[in-house]
N, C-alpha and C. Protein backbone atom coordinates (compact mmCIF):
# COMPACT_ATOMS: atom_id res chain seq x y z
N MET A 1 0.85 -1.17 0.00
CA MET A 1 0.00 0.00 0.00
C MET A 1 0.90 1.24 0.00
N PRO A 2 0.70 2.15 -0.95
CA PRO A 2 1.54 3.35 -1.01
C PRO A 2 1.27 4.28 0.17
N LYS A 3 2.34 4.94 0.62
CA LYS A 3 2.21 5.88 1.72
C LYS A 3 1.62 7.19 1.23
N THR A 4 0.78 7.79 2.07
CA THR A 4 0.26 9.11 1.75
C THR A 4 1.32 10.15 2.08
N ILE A 5 1.13 11.36 1.62
CA ILE A 5 2.08 12.44 1.92
C ILE A 5 2.17 12.66 3.42
N THR A 6 1.03 12.61 4.09
CA THR A 6 1.02 12.81 5.54
C THR A 6 1.81 11.71 6.24
N GLN A 7 1.63 10.45 5.84
CA GLN A 7 2.38 9.35 6.44
C GLN A 7 3.87 9.52 6.19
N SER A 8 4.23 9.94 5.01
CA SER A 8 5.63 10.13 4.66
C SER A 8 6.26 11.24 5.50
N MET A 9 5.54 12.34 5.66
CA MET A 9 6.05 13.46 6.45
C MET A 9 6.20 13.07 7.92
N ALA A 10 5.22 12.36 8.45
CA ALA A 10 5.27 11.92 9.85
C ALA A 10 6.43 10.97 10.05
N SER A 11 6.63 10.06 9.12
CA SER A 11 7.72 9.11 9.20
C SER A 11 9.06 9.85 9.24
N ASP A 12 9.23 10.81 8.36
CA ASP A 12 10.47 11.59 8.33
C ASP A 12 10.64 12.39 9.61
N LEU A 13 9.57 12.93 10.16
CA LEU A 13 9.65 13.69 11.40
C LEU A 13 10.16 12.83 12.54
N PHE A 14 9.58 11.65 12.71
CA PHE A 14 10.00 10.77 13.80
C PHE A 14 11.45 10.30 13.60
N CYS A 15 11.83 10.02 12.38
CA CYS A 15 13.22 9.62 12.12
C CYS A 15 14.18 10.76 12.48
N LYS A 16 13.81 11.99 12.16
CA LYS A 16 14.66 13.13 12.49
C LYS A 16 14.72 13.35 14.00
N MET A 17 13.58 13.21 14.67
CA MET A 17 13.57 13.36 16.13
C MET A 17 14.45 12.29 16.78
N ASN A 18 14.37 11.08 16.29
CA ASN A 18 15.20 10.00 16.83
C ASN A 18 16.68 10.28 16.61
N GLN A 19 17.01 10.82 15.45
CA GLN A 19 18.40 11.14 15.15
C GLN A 19 18.93 12.21 16.11
N VAL A 20 18.11 13.22 16.39
CA VAL A 20 18.51 14.27 17.33
C VAL A 20 18.76 13.66 18.71
N GLU A 21 17.86 12.79 19.17
CA GLU A 21 18.04 12.16 20.47
C GLU A 21 19.27 11.26 20.49
N LYS A 22 19.52 10.57 19.41
CA LYS A 22 20.70 9.70 19.33
C LYS A 22 21.97 10.53 19.43
N GLU A 23 22.01 11.68 18.77
CA GLU A 23 23.18 12.55 18.82
C GLU A 23 23.33 13.21 20.19
N ARG A 24 22.21 13.51 20.82
CA ARG A 24 22.22 14.18 22.11
C ARG A 24 22.67 13.24 23.23
N MET A 25 22.27 11.98 23.16
CA MET A 25 22.58 11.00 24.21
C MET A 25 23.00 9.67 23.60
N PRO A 26 24.15 9.62 22.94
CA PRO A 26 24.55 8.38 22.26
C PRO A 26 24.73 7.18 23.18
N ALA A 27 25.24 7.40 24.38
CA ALA A 27 25.44 6.26 25.29
C ALA A 27 24.12 5.65 25.71
N LEU A 28 23.14 6.50 25.99
CA LEU A 28 21.82 6.01 26.37
C LEU A 28 21.17 5.28 25.21
N TRP A 29 21.32 5.81 24.02
CA TRP A 29 20.74 5.20 22.82
C TRP A 29 21.22 3.77 22.66
N GLU A 30 22.51 3.54 22.86
CA GLU A 30 23.07 2.21 22.69
C GLU A 30 22.62 1.25 23.79
N LYS A 31 22.38 1.76 24.99
CA LYS A 31 21.99 0.91 26.11
C LYS A 31 20.53 0.48 26.04
N MET A 32 19.71 1.26 25.39
CA MET A 32 18.28 0.98 25.37
C MET A 32 17.98 -0.20 24.46
N SER A 33 16.80 -0.77 24.68
CA SER A 33 16.35 -1.90 23.88
C SER A 33 15.96 -1.44 22.48
N SER A 34 14.99 -2.06 21.91
CA SER A 34 14.53 -1.72 20.56
C SER A 34 13.75 -0.42 20.52
N PHE A 35 13.36 0.07 21.71
CA PHE A 35 12.57 1.30 21.78
C PHE A 35 13.26 2.32 22.66
N LEU A 36 12.93 3.57 22.43
CA LEU A 36 13.48 4.66 23.20
C LEU A 36 12.33 5.51 23.71
N ALA A 37 12.43 5.98 24.93
CA ALA A 37 11.41 6.88 25.48
C ALA A 37 12.09 8.21 25.80
N TYR A 38 11.48 9.29 25.33
CA TYR A 38 12.02 10.61 25.63
C TYR A 38 10.91 11.65 25.56
N ILE A 39 11.19 12.79 26.15
CA ILE A 39 10.26 13.91 26.10
C ILE A 39 10.82 14.89 25.09
N PRO A 40 10.15 15.05 23.95
CA PRO A 40 10.68 15.96 22.93
C PRO A 40 10.63 17.42 23.40
N PHE A 41 11.50 18.22 22.80
CA PHE A 41 11.63 19.61 23.22
C PHE A 41 10.35 20.42 23.04
N PHE A 42 9.45 19.98 22.18
CA PHE A 42 8.27 20.78 21.86
C PHE A 42 7.00 20.38 22.62
N THR A 43 7.12 19.42 23.53
CA THR A 43 5.92 18.94 24.21
C THR A 43 5.26 20.07 25.02
N ASP A 44 3.96 20.00 25.14
CA ASP A 44 3.18 21.03 25.84
C ASP A 44 3.18 20.83 27.35
N TYR A 45 3.51 19.65 27.81
CA TYR A 45 3.48 19.39 29.24
C TYR A 45 4.66 18.47 29.59
N PRO A 46 5.13 18.51 30.82
CA PRO A 46 6.36 17.82 31.17
C PRO A 46 6.30 16.30 31.19
N TYR A 47 5.13 15.72 30.97
CA TYR A 47 5.02 14.26 30.99
C TYR A 47 4.64 13.71 29.62
N GLY A 48 4.90 14.46 28.58
CA GLY A 48 4.57 14.05 27.21
C GLY A 48 5.61 13.12 26.65
N VAL A 49 5.67 11.92 27.16
CA VAL A 49 6.70 10.95 26.78
C VAL A 49 6.36 10.32 25.42
N PHE A 50 7.35 10.31 24.54
CA PHE A 50 7.24 9.61 23.27
C PHE A 50 7.95 8.28 23.43
N VAL A 51 7.32 7.21 23.01
CA VAL A 51 7.94 5.89 22.95
C VAL A 51 8.04 5.55 21.48
N VAL A 52 9.27 5.43 21.00
CA VAL A 52 9.49 5.24 19.56
C VAL A 52 10.45 4.07 19.31
N PRO A 53 10.27 3.38 18.19
CA PRO A 53 11.20 2.31 17.85
C PRO A 53 12.53 2.90 17.39
N LYS A 54 13.61 2.18 17.66
CA LYS A 54 14.93 2.63 17.21
C LYS A 54 15.10 2.39 15.70
N ARG A 55 14.42 1.42 15.18
CA ARG A 55 14.49 1.19 13.73
C ARG A 55 13.20 1.70 13.10
N HIS A 56 13.28 2.08 11.86
CA HIS A 56 12.11 2.61 11.16
C HIS A 56 11.08 1.51 10.93
N MET A 57 9.84 1.79 11.28
CA MET A 57 8.73 0.89 10.97
C MET A 57 7.47 1.73 10.80
N ASN A 58 6.61 1.28 9.95
CA ASN A 58 5.39 2.03 9.65
C ASN A 58 4.24 1.69 10.60
N TYR A 59 4.21 0.46 11.07
CA TYR A 59 3.08 0.01 11.89
C TYR A 59 3.61 -0.77 13.09
N ILE A 60 2.87 -0.75 14.16
CA ILE A 60 3.28 -1.50 15.35
C ILE A 60 3.33 -3.00 15.05
N THR A 61 2.55 -3.43 14.10
CA THR A 61 2.56 -4.85 13.71
C THR A 61 3.84 -5.24 12.98
N ASP A 62 4.69 -4.26 12.65
CA ASP A 62 5.99 -4.54 12.04
C ASP A 62 7.01 -5.02 13.06
N CYS A 63 6.66 -4.97 14.35
CA CYS A 63 7.57 -5.42 15.41
C CYS A 63 7.79 -6.92 15.32
N ASN A 64 9.03 -7.32 15.51
CA ASN A 64 9.30 -8.75 15.62
C ASN A 64 9.05 -9.16 17.08
N GLU A 65 9.27 -10.42 17.38
CA GLU A 65 8.95 -10.93 18.73
C GLU A 65 9.76 -10.20 19.82
N GLN A 66 11.06 -10.00 19.58
CA GLN A 66 11.89 -9.32 20.58
C GLN A 66 11.46 -7.87 20.75
N GLU A 67 11.15 -7.19 19.66
CA GLU A 67 10.70 -5.80 19.76
C GLU A 67 9.38 -5.68 20.51
N THR A 68 8.50 -6.64 20.33
CA THR A 68 7.23 -6.65 21.06
C THR A 68 7.49 -6.78 22.56
N LYS A 69 8.42 -7.65 22.93
CA LYS A 69 8.79 -7.80 24.35
C LYS A 69 9.44 -6.52 24.88
N ASP A 70 10.31 -5.92 24.08
CA ASP A 70 10.97 -4.68 24.48
C ASP A 70 9.97 -3.55 24.69
N LEU A 71 8.99 -3.46 23.80
CA LEU A 71 7.95 -2.43 23.93
C LEU A 71 7.13 -2.65 25.20
N ALA A 72 6.75 -3.88 25.45
CA ALA A 72 5.99 -4.18 26.67
C ALA A 72 6.79 -3.80 27.91
N HIS A 73 8.08 -4.13 27.91
CA HIS A 73 8.94 -3.78 29.05
C HIS A 73 9.05 -2.26 29.20
N MET A 74 9.21 -1.55 28.10
CA MET A 74 9.32 -0.09 28.13
C MET A 74 8.05 0.53 28.70
N LEU A 75 6.90 0.08 28.24
CA LEU A 75 5.63 0.63 28.73
C LEU A 75 5.42 0.31 30.21
N LYS A 76 5.80 -0.90 30.63
CA LYS A 76 5.70 -1.27 32.04
C LYS A 76 6.60 -0.38 32.89
N THR A 77 7.82 -0.16 32.44
CA THR A 77 8.77 0.68 33.16
C THR A 77 8.26 2.11 33.28
N LEU A 78 7.73 2.66 32.20
CA LEU A 78 7.19 4.02 32.23
C LEU A 78 5.99 4.13 33.16
N THR A 79 5.10 3.15 33.09
CA THR A 79 3.91 3.15 33.94
C THR A 79 4.31 3.10 35.41
N GLU A 80 5.28 2.25 35.74
CA GLU A 80 5.76 2.16 37.12
C GLU A 80 6.40 3.47 37.57
N ALA A 81 7.12 4.13 36.65
CA ALA A 81 7.75 5.41 37.00
C ALA A 81 6.69 6.47 37.29
N PHE A 82 5.62 6.50 36.49
CA PHE A 82 4.54 7.45 36.75
C PHE A 82 3.80 7.10 38.04
N ASP A 83 3.66 5.81 38.33
CA ASP A 83 3.07 5.38 39.60
C ASP A 83 3.83 5.99 40.77
N ARG A 84 5.16 5.86 40.73
CA ARG A 84 5.99 6.39 41.82
C ARG A 84 5.99 7.91 41.84
N LEU A 85 6.06 8.52 40.69
CA LEU A 85 6.12 9.98 40.60
C LEU A 85 4.87 10.64 41.20
N PHE A 86 3.71 10.10 40.87
CA PHE A 86 2.46 10.70 41.31
C PHE A 86 1.86 10.01 42.54
N ASP A 87 2.53 8.99 43.02
CA ASP A 87 2.08 8.22 44.19
C ASP A 87 0.64 7.74 44.00
N MET A 88 0.36 7.22 42.83
CA MET A 88 -0.94 6.63 42.52
C MET A 88 -0.79 5.68 41.35
N PRO A 89 -1.60 4.64 41.29
CA PRO A 89 -1.45 3.66 40.20
C PRO A 89 -2.00 4.18 38.87
N PHE A 90 -1.21 3.99 37.83
CA PHE A 90 -1.66 4.32 36.48
C PHE A 90 -2.02 3.06 35.71
N HIS A 91 -1.96 1.93 36.35
CA HIS A 91 -2.33 0.67 35.72
C HIS A 91 -3.35 -0.04 36.60
N ILE A 92 -3.99 -0.98 35.99
CA ILE A 92 -5.01 -1.74 36.73
C ILE A 92 -4.55 -3.18 36.85
């Protein structure tokens, strides 16, 4: 299925954002799993965390088995961090 202009622009935007984060924190980039979590400079609020794959993919279904496990671990880690930060559960 051909990509629309909007999909193409969004894809390029995320790739560029990831490149900036990789250049800004190369050691962290290498230590992380298949996904990276960061707060982009333009977020409207201090908890606007982006969770993005380190490799380019168009759909979440493009994840292989290891990437799916890495994403689950990343989301669990973030949820637990927000639990501690706000002293209330964000998961059920």
